[in-house]
N, C-alpha and C. Protein backbone atom coordinates (compact mmCIF):
# COMPACT_ATOMS: atom_id res chain seq x y z
N UNK A 1 71.19 111.90 91.03
CA UNK A 1 71.15 110.90 89.94
C UNK A 1 71.43 109.55 90.60
N UNK A 2 70.77 108.64 90.33
CA UNK A 2 70.86 107.20 90.82
C UNK A 2 71.83 106.53 90.04
N UNK A 3 72.74 105.61 90.63
CA UNK A 3 73.74 104.86 89.96
C UNK A 3 73.03 103.49 89.68
N UNK A 4 73.08 102.91 88.49
CA UNK A 4 72.44 101.69 88.36
C UNK A 4 73.33 100.68 88.84
N UNK A 5 72.87 99.51 89.02
CA UNK A 5 73.71 98.36 89.51
C UNK A 5 74.68 97.98 88.39
N UNK A 6 74.52 98.18 87.18
CA UNK A 6 75.35 97.85 86.20
C UNK A 6 76.62 98.88 86.23
N UNK A 7 76.24 100.15 86.41
CA UNK A 7 77.27 101.12 86.54
C UNK A 7 78.25 101.04 87.77
N UNK A 8 77.51 100.63 88.87
CA UNK A 8 78.18 100.33 90.14
C UNK A 8 79.06 99.18 89.95
N UNK A 9 78.55 97.97 89.24
CA UNK A 9 79.36 96.79 89.03
C UNK A 9 80.72 97.15 88.22
N UNK A 10 80.51 97.76 87.27
CA UNK A 10 81.67 98.20 86.24
C UNK A 10 82.67 98.99 86.97
N UNK A 11 82.20 99.97 87.70
CA UNK A 11 83.17 100.76 88.65
C UNK A 11 83.93 99.85 89.49
N UNK A 12 83.34 98.96 90.18
CA UNK A 12 83.99 97.96 91.09
C UNK A 12 84.91 97.01 90.35
N UNK A 13 84.56 96.76 89.09
CA UNK A 13 85.55 95.82 88.35
C UNK A 13 86.68 96.71 88.05
N UNK A 14 86.65 97.94 87.50
CA UNK A 14 87.77 98.73 87.14
C UNK A 14 88.52 98.95 88.26
N UNK A 15 88.03 99.39 89.41
CA UNK A 15 88.88 99.46 90.69
C UNK A 15 89.67 98.27 90.87
N UNK A 16 88.88 97.03 90.95
CA UNK A 16 89.73 95.92 91.36
C UNK A 16 90.76 95.49 90.35
N UNK A 17 90.59 95.76 89.01
CA UNK A 17 91.67 95.61 88.03
C UNK A 17 92.87 96.64 88.43
N UNK A 18 92.58 97.90 88.66
CA UNK A 18 93.59 98.83 88.93
C UNK A 18 94.34 98.38 90.17
N UNK A 19 93.62 98.00 91.31
CA UNK A 19 94.23 97.62 92.51
C UNK A 19 95.14 96.27 92.50
N UNK A 20 94.73 95.41 91.64
CA UNK A 20 95.47 94.12 91.56
C UNK A 20 96.45 94.00 90.38
N UNK A 21 96.50 95.12 89.60
CA UNK A 21 97.35 94.96 88.34
C UNK A 21 98.78 95.06 88.74
N UNK A 22 99.57 94.41 87.82
CA UNK A 22 101.14 94.45 88.12
C UNK A 22 101.48 95.87 88.20
N UNK A 23 102.21 96.36 89.21
CA UNK A 23 102.63 97.65 89.42
C UNK A 23 103.84 97.96 88.86
N UNK A 24 104.19 99.25 88.39
CA UNK A 24 105.40 99.45 87.67
C UNK A 24 105.68 100.91 88.26
N UNK A 25 107.03 101.21 88.30
CA UNK A 25 107.43 102.51 88.95
C UNK A 25 108.43 103.11 87.74
N UNK A 26 108.26 104.25 87.44
CA UNK A 26 109.21 105.09 86.44
C UNK A 26 109.56 106.28 87.12
N UNK A 27 110.99 106.50 86.92
CA UNK A 27 111.36 107.90 87.50
C UNK A 27 112.28 108.37 86.32
N UNK A 28 112.00 109.89 85.95
CA UNK A 28 112.67 110.59 85.08
C UNK A 28 112.97 112.01 85.60
N UNK A 29 113.80 112.69 84.89
CA UNK A 29 114.29 113.88 84.99
C UNK A 29 114.10 114.74 83.75
N UNK A 30 113.64 116.02 83.96
CA UNK A 30 113.43 116.88 82.79
C UNK A 30 113.85 118.27 83.06
N UNK A 31 113.96 119.09 82.08
CA UNK A 31 114.25 120.55 82.24
C UNK A 31 112.94 121.30 81.85
N UNK A 32 112.37 122.16 82.78
CA UNK A 32 111.30 123.04 82.39
C UNK A 32 111.50 123.84 81.32
N UNK A 33 110.58 124.06 80.47
CA UNK A 33 110.76 124.89 79.25
C UNK A 33 110.75 126.37 79.67
N UNK A 34 110.11 126.68 80.69
CA UNK A 34 110.07 128.07 81.17
C UNK A 34 110.12 128.04 82.68
N UNK A 35 110.60 129.13 83.39
CA UNK A 35 110.57 129.25 84.79
C UNK A 35 109.32 129.21 85.25
N UNK A 36 108.87 128.58 86.34
CA UNK A 36 107.52 128.40 86.77
C UNK A 36 107.28 129.16 88.08
N UNK A 37 106.09 129.85 88.18
CA UNK A 37 105.75 130.54 89.40
C UNK A 37 104.78 129.44 90.16
N UNK A 38 104.25 130.14 91.25
CA UNK A 38 103.54 129.34 92.25
C UNK A 38 102.15 128.91 91.60
N UNK A 39 101.50 129.88 90.87
CA UNK A 39 100.23 129.57 90.24
C UNK A 39 100.38 128.66 89.05
N UNK A 40 101.63 128.63 88.26
CA UNK A 40 101.72 127.54 87.17
C UNK A 40 101.85 126.35 87.85
N UNK A 41 102.59 126.12 88.87
CA UNK A 41 102.81 124.99 89.59
C UNK A 41 101.58 124.36 90.23
N UNK A 42 100.75 125.23 90.74
CA UNK A 42 99.34 124.74 91.39
C UNK A 42 98.57 124.35 90.37
N UNK A 43 98.41 124.98 89.05
CA UNK A 43 97.56 124.53 88.04
C UNK A 43 98.19 123.17 87.39
N UNK A 44 99.50 123.10 87.27
CA UNK A 44 100.28 121.89 86.96
C UNK A 44 99.65 120.59 87.88
N UNK A 45 99.84 120.90 88.97
CA UNK A 45 99.36 119.87 90.01
C UNK A 45 97.95 119.32 90.04
N UNK A 46 97.14 120.36 89.69
CA UNK A 46 95.72 120.02 89.53
C UNK A 46 95.49 119.21 88.25
N UNK A 47 96.11 119.43 87.25
CA UNK A 47 96.02 118.59 86.01
C UNK A 47 96.61 117.34 86.11
N UNK A 48 97.80 117.25 86.89
CA UNK A 48 98.57 115.96 86.87
C UNK A 48 97.60 115.11 88.03
N UNK A 49 97.11 115.61 88.94
CA UNK A 49 96.55 114.93 89.95
C UNK A 49 95.08 114.22 89.38
N UNK A 50 94.46 115.07 88.55
CA UNK A 50 93.20 114.55 87.96
C UNK A 50 93.56 113.41 86.90
N UNK A 51 94.70 113.61 86.12
CA UNK A 51 94.93 112.64 85.02
C UNK A 51 95.49 111.27 85.85
N UNK A 52 96.22 111.57 86.78
CA UNK A 52 96.83 110.20 87.44
C UNK A 52 95.66 109.51 88.17
N UNK A 53 94.66 110.14 88.67
CA UNK A 53 93.57 109.47 89.40
C UNK A 53 92.85 108.60 88.29
N UNK A 54 92.69 109.05 87.07
CA UNK A 54 91.94 108.37 85.98
C UNK A 54 92.79 107.20 85.54
N UNK A 55 94.06 107.32 85.64
CA UNK A 55 95.03 106.26 85.17
C UNK A 55 95.37 105.24 86.30
N UNK A 56 94.93 105.60 87.56
CA UNK A 56 95.40 104.70 88.66
C UNK A 56 96.78 104.83 89.13
N UNK A 57 97.38 106.07 88.88
CA UNK A 57 98.81 106.35 89.14
C UNK A 57 98.91 107.19 90.36
N UNK A 58 99.92 106.89 91.29
CA UNK A 58 100.31 107.73 92.30
C UNK A 58 101.78 108.10 92.15
N UNK A 59 102.23 109.14 92.89
CA UNK A 59 103.60 109.56 92.58
C UNK A 59 104.11 110.76 93.39
N UNK A 60 105.15 111.39 92.95
CA UNK A 60 105.82 112.33 93.59
C UNK A 60 106.50 113.21 92.30
N UNK A 61 106.36 114.60 92.51
CA UNK A 61 106.95 115.46 91.63
C UNK A 61 107.77 116.43 92.41
N UNK A 62 109.13 116.52 92.08
CA UNK A 62 110.00 117.51 92.54
C UNK A 62 110.43 118.52 91.72
N UNK A 63 110.25 119.85 92.02
CA UNK A 63 110.79 120.78 91.16
C UNK A 63 111.67 121.79 92.03
N UNK A 64 112.98 121.86 91.32
CA UNK A 64 113.85 122.78 92.04
C UNK A 64 114.80 123.23 90.82
N UNK A 65 115.21 124.47 90.92
CA UNK A 65 116.12 125.10 89.82
C UNK A 65 115.64 124.65 88.33
N UNK A 66 114.35 124.85 88.25
CA UNK A 66 113.90 124.48 86.80
C UNK A 66 113.89 123.03 86.39
N UNK A 67 114.17 122.13 87.26
CA UNK A 67 114.45 120.85 86.82
C UNK A 67 113.29 120.01 87.69
N UNK A 68 112.72 119.21 86.80
CA UNK A 68 111.59 118.26 87.35
C UNK A 68 112.29 116.97 87.54
N UNK A 69 112.01 116.09 88.64
CA UNK A 69 112.26 114.86 88.86
C UNK A 69 110.89 114.28 89.37
N UNK A 70 110.46 113.28 88.45
CA UNK A 70 109.07 112.59 88.82
C UNK A 70 109.19 111.27 88.91
N UNK A 71 108.51 110.78 89.98
CA UNK A 71 108.40 109.26 90.31
C UNK A 71 106.84 109.01 90.04
N UNK A 72 106.59 108.05 89.00
CA UNK A 72 105.16 107.71 88.99
C UNK A 72 104.97 106.05 89.09
N UNK A 73 103.86 105.69 89.65
CA UNK A 73 103.74 104.29 90.11
C UNK A 73 102.39 103.86 89.84
N UNK A 74 102.18 102.62 89.26
CA UNK A 74 100.88 102.24 89.08
C UNK A 74 100.82 101.07 87.98
N UNK A 75 99.58 100.74 87.45
CA UNK A 75 99.56 99.76 86.51
C UNK A 75 100.34 100.00 85.27
N UNK A 76 100.94 99.01 84.69
CA UNK A 76 101.78 99.17 83.64
C UNK A 76 101.16 99.92 82.55
N UNK A 77 99.91 99.60 82.00
CA UNK A 77 99.19 100.36 81.01
C UNK A 77 99.03 101.70 81.25
N UNK A 78 98.85 102.16 82.56
CA UNK A 78 98.60 103.60 83.00
C UNK A 78 100.09 104.36 83.02
N UNK A 79 101.07 103.62 83.39
CA UNK A 79 102.48 104.17 83.33
C UNK A 79 102.90 104.42 82.00
N UNK A 80 102.54 103.41 80.98
CA UNK A 80 103.09 103.60 79.64
C UNK A 80 102.22 104.78 79.07
N UNK A 81 100.94 104.94 79.17
CA UNK A 81 99.94 105.99 78.64
C UNK A 81 100.52 107.32 79.24
N UNK A 82 100.77 107.31 80.51
CA UNK A 82 101.33 108.75 81.04
C UNK A 82 102.70 109.10 80.37
N UNK A 83 103.53 107.93 80.40
CA UNK A 83 105.01 108.28 79.85
C UNK A 83 104.87 108.75 78.44
N UNK A 84 104.04 108.38 77.62
CA UNK A 84 103.96 108.66 76.18
C UNK A 84 103.41 110.17 76.10
N UNK A 85 102.50 110.36 76.97
CA UNK A 85 102.06 111.72 77.17
C UNK A 85 103.09 112.71 77.60
N UNK A 86 103.81 112.32 78.62
CA UNK A 86 105.00 113.14 78.99
C UNK A 86 105.99 113.58 78.06
N UNK A 87 106.41 112.41 77.24
CA UNK A 87 107.25 112.58 76.22
C UNK A 87 106.86 113.66 75.18
N UNK A 88 105.55 113.82 75.00
CA UNK A 88 105.00 114.98 74.11
C UNK A 88 104.51 116.21 74.71
N UNK A 89 104.71 116.25 76.08
CA UNK A 89 104.41 117.51 76.79
C UNK A 89 105.51 118.66 76.50
N UNK A 90 104.96 119.85 76.19
CA UNK A 90 105.81 121.01 75.83
C UNK A 90 106.38 121.76 77.00
N UNK A 91 105.88 121.31 78.13
CA UNK A 91 106.41 122.16 79.35
C UNK A 91 107.72 121.78 79.79
N UNK A 92 108.23 120.76 79.21
CA UNK A 92 109.56 120.45 79.58
C UNK A 92 110.30 119.62 78.42
N UNK A 93 111.60 119.62 78.50
CA UNK A 93 112.52 119.01 77.46
C UNK A 93 113.62 118.42 78.17
N UNK A 94 114.62 117.76 77.36
CA UNK A 94 115.61 116.98 77.81
C UNK A 94 115.37 116.01 78.80
N UNK A 95 114.16 115.13 78.50
CA UNK A 95 113.65 114.29 79.34
C UNK A 95 114.69 112.98 79.27
N UNK A 96 114.89 112.67 80.55
CA UNK A 96 115.97 111.43 80.76
C UNK A 96 115.31 110.37 81.70
N UNK A 97 115.11 109.22 81.12
CA UNK A 97 114.52 108.25 81.90
C UNK A 97 115.54 107.65 82.94
N UNK A 98 115.35 107.75 84.10
CA UNK A 98 116.30 107.23 85.01
C UNK A 98 116.04 105.95 85.63
N UNK A 99 114.93 105.33 85.76
CA UNK A 99 114.55 104.02 86.05
C UNK A 99 113.05 103.71 85.61
N UNK A 100 112.96 102.37 85.37
CA UNK A 100 111.68 101.97 85.18
C UNK A 100 111.65 100.40 85.37
N UNK A 101 110.81 99.99 86.21
CA UNK A 101 110.63 98.54 86.57
C UNK A 101 109.27 98.10 87.54
N UNK A 102 109.37 96.88 87.74
CA UNK A 102 108.23 96.43 88.55
C UNK A 102 108.43 96.87 89.89
N UNK A 103 107.37 97.06 90.67
CA UNK A 103 107.17 97.59 91.87
C UNK A 103 106.22 96.76 92.71
N UNK A 104 106.83 96.13 94.01
CA UNK A 104 105.89 95.30 94.86
C UNK A 104 104.92 96.11 95.50
N UNK A 105 105.33 97.43 95.95
CA UNK A 105 104.26 98.16 96.72
C UNK A 105 104.47 99.62 96.45
N UNK A 106 103.45 100.36 96.36
CA UNK A 106 103.45 101.77 96.07
C UNK A 106 104.17 102.49 97.24
N UNK A 107 104.92 103.57 96.88
CA UNK A 107 105.66 104.34 97.97
C UNK A 107 104.72 105.64 98.21
N UNK A 108 103.87 105.99 97.27
CA UNK A 108 103.12 107.19 97.41
C UNK A 108 101.52 106.82 97.34
N UNK A 109 101.09 105.87 97.73
CA UNK A 109 99.75 105.40 97.84
C UNK A 109 98.78 106.34 98.14
N UNK A 110 99.23 107.41 99.15
CA UNK A 110 98.18 108.21 99.65
C UNK A 110 98.16 109.65 98.73
N UNK A 111 98.87 109.75 97.66
CA UNK A 111 98.85 110.86 96.88
C UNK A 111 98.91 110.51 95.31
N UNK A 112 97.87 111.02 94.56
CA UNK A 112 97.89 110.89 93.13
C UNK A 112 99.09 111.71 92.60
N UNK A 113 99.50 112.65 93.49
CA UNK A 113 100.70 113.43 93.00
C UNK A 113 101.19 114.27 94.20
N UNK A 114 102.24 113.77 94.94
CA UNK A 114 102.79 114.54 95.93
C UNK A 114 103.67 115.49 95.43
N UNK A 115 104.09 116.59 95.86
CA UNK A 115 104.75 117.69 95.37
C UNK A 115 105.81 118.24 96.33
N UNK A 116 107.11 118.29 95.91
CA UNK A 116 108.16 118.96 96.68
C UNK A 116 108.75 120.05 95.82
N UNK A 117 109.09 121.15 96.58
CA UNK A 117 109.90 122.32 96.13
C UNK A 117 110.25 123.21 97.19
N UNK A 118 110.62 124.32 96.90
CA UNK A 118 111.06 125.40 97.87
C UNK A 118 109.86 125.87 98.46
N UNK A 119 109.79 126.14 99.76
CA UNK A 119 108.66 126.59 100.57
C UNK A 119 107.91 127.82 99.89
N UNK A 120 108.63 128.77 99.28
CA UNK A 120 108.03 129.91 98.88
C UNK A 120 106.94 129.44 97.68
N UNK A 121 107.10 128.30 97.01
CA UNK A 121 106.29 127.85 95.95
C UNK A 121 104.82 127.40 96.55
N UNK A 122 104.75 127.40 97.89
CA UNK A 122 103.41 126.91 98.39
C UNK A 122 102.63 128.04 98.75
N UNK A 123 102.57 129.06 98.07
CA UNK A 123 101.71 130.25 98.34
C UNK A 123 100.25 129.85 98.22
N UNK A 124 99.81 128.78 97.58
CA UNK A 124 98.37 128.52 97.69
C UNK A 124 97.91 127.28 98.63
N UNK A 125 98.92 126.90 99.53
CA UNK A 125 98.76 125.95 100.58
C UNK A 125 98.24 124.66 99.84
N UNK A 126 99.00 124.17 98.99
CA UNK A 126 98.68 122.82 98.05
C UNK A 126 98.74 121.75 99.16
N UNK A 127 97.51 120.99 98.96
CA UNK A 127 97.70 119.57 99.89
C UNK A 127 98.84 118.90 99.20
N UNK A 128 99.57 117.96 100.10
CA UNK A 128 100.39 117.25 99.39
C UNK A 128 101.81 117.90 98.97
N UNK A 129 101.96 119.16 99.67
CA UNK A 129 103.30 119.79 99.40
C UNK A 129 104.28 119.51 100.58
N UNK A 130 105.34 119.20 100.04
CA UNK A 130 106.52 118.89 101.12
C UNK A 130 107.71 119.87 100.75
N UNK A 131 107.99 120.79 101.52
CA UNK A 131 109.14 121.67 101.38
C UNK A 131 110.43 120.95 101.49
N UNK A 132 111.33 121.36 100.46
CA UNK A 132 112.59 120.93 100.48
C UNK A 132 113.55 121.85 101.22
N UNK A 133 114.62 121.01 101.73
CA UNK A 133 115.76 121.82 102.41
C UNK A 133 116.68 122.63 101.40
N UNK A 134 117.67 123.30 101.97
CA UNK A 134 118.52 124.13 101.18
C UNK A 134 119.29 123.34 100.01
N UNK A 135 119.31 122.03 100.22
CA UNK A 135 119.89 121.14 99.25
C UNK A 135 118.91 120.59 98.20
N UNK A 136 117.78 121.03 98.39
CA UNK A 136 116.67 120.56 97.44
C UNK A 136 116.11 119.15 97.71
N UNK A 137 116.28 118.68 98.94
CA UNK A 137 115.72 117.30 99.31
C UNK A 137 114.83 117.32 100.50
N UNK A 138 114.09 116.37 100.63
CA UNK A 138 113.34 116.16 101.82
C UNK A 138 112.99 114.64 101.85
N UNK A 139 112.24 114.03 102.80
CA UNK A 139 111.90 112.66 102.95
C UNK A 139 111.18 112.13 101.67
N UNK A 140 110.21 112.82 101.07
CA UNK A 140 109.48 112.46 100.06
C UNK A 140 110.25 112.27 98.80
N UNK A 141 111.11 113.18 98.55
CA UNK A 141 111.99 113.24 97.35
C UNK A 141 113.16 111.98 97.61
N UNK A 142 113.52 111.75 98.83
CA UNK A 142 114.41 110.58 99.06
C UNK A 142 113.65 109.29 98.81
N UNK A 143 112.37 109.23 99.20
CA UNK A 143 111.54 108.08 98.74
C UNK A 143 111.45 107.78 97.25
N UNK A 144 111.38 108.77 96.56
CA UNK A 144 111.20 108.70 95.21
C UNK A 144 112.70 108.15 94.59
N UNK A 145 113.63 108.73 95.23
CA UNK A 145 115.13 108.31 94.69
C UNK A 145 115.50 106.94 94.88
N UNK A 146 114.92 106.35 95.95
CA UNK A 146 115.42 104.99 96.40
C UNK A 146 115.03 103.97 95.30
N UNK A 147 116.07 103.25 94.94
CA UNK A 147 115.89 102.16 93.96
C UNK A 147 115.45 100.94 94.56
């Protein structure tokens, strides 16, 4: 299927707006509603990555001991849309906003959603998976935690 000049032009305009928009960073912590296994996490990541790409969002998700800590970064309108969606998401509860503010430069530009957890969760060899140490940390999680 050929892409018309108008479609191509609109795609380039949307990309330009997404890339030059004021960036925002949001970090939150929440409790998983149910204990998640490898397949659940794999499917969750596929859904998150797809939605994040559409919203121009990048970030990192840490899952340890049924606790999520997520760092998302992108255009303010994308962050707000995703945040409102997260607040309604029944897969987690006890959502605590840890920080939100402007961002000069993305920390996870290469990942629509990097993921860190214990190595046994990487049964499906997920791209962007970073195993945590026995304390539940790694360099990707530390990048997310930096203020």
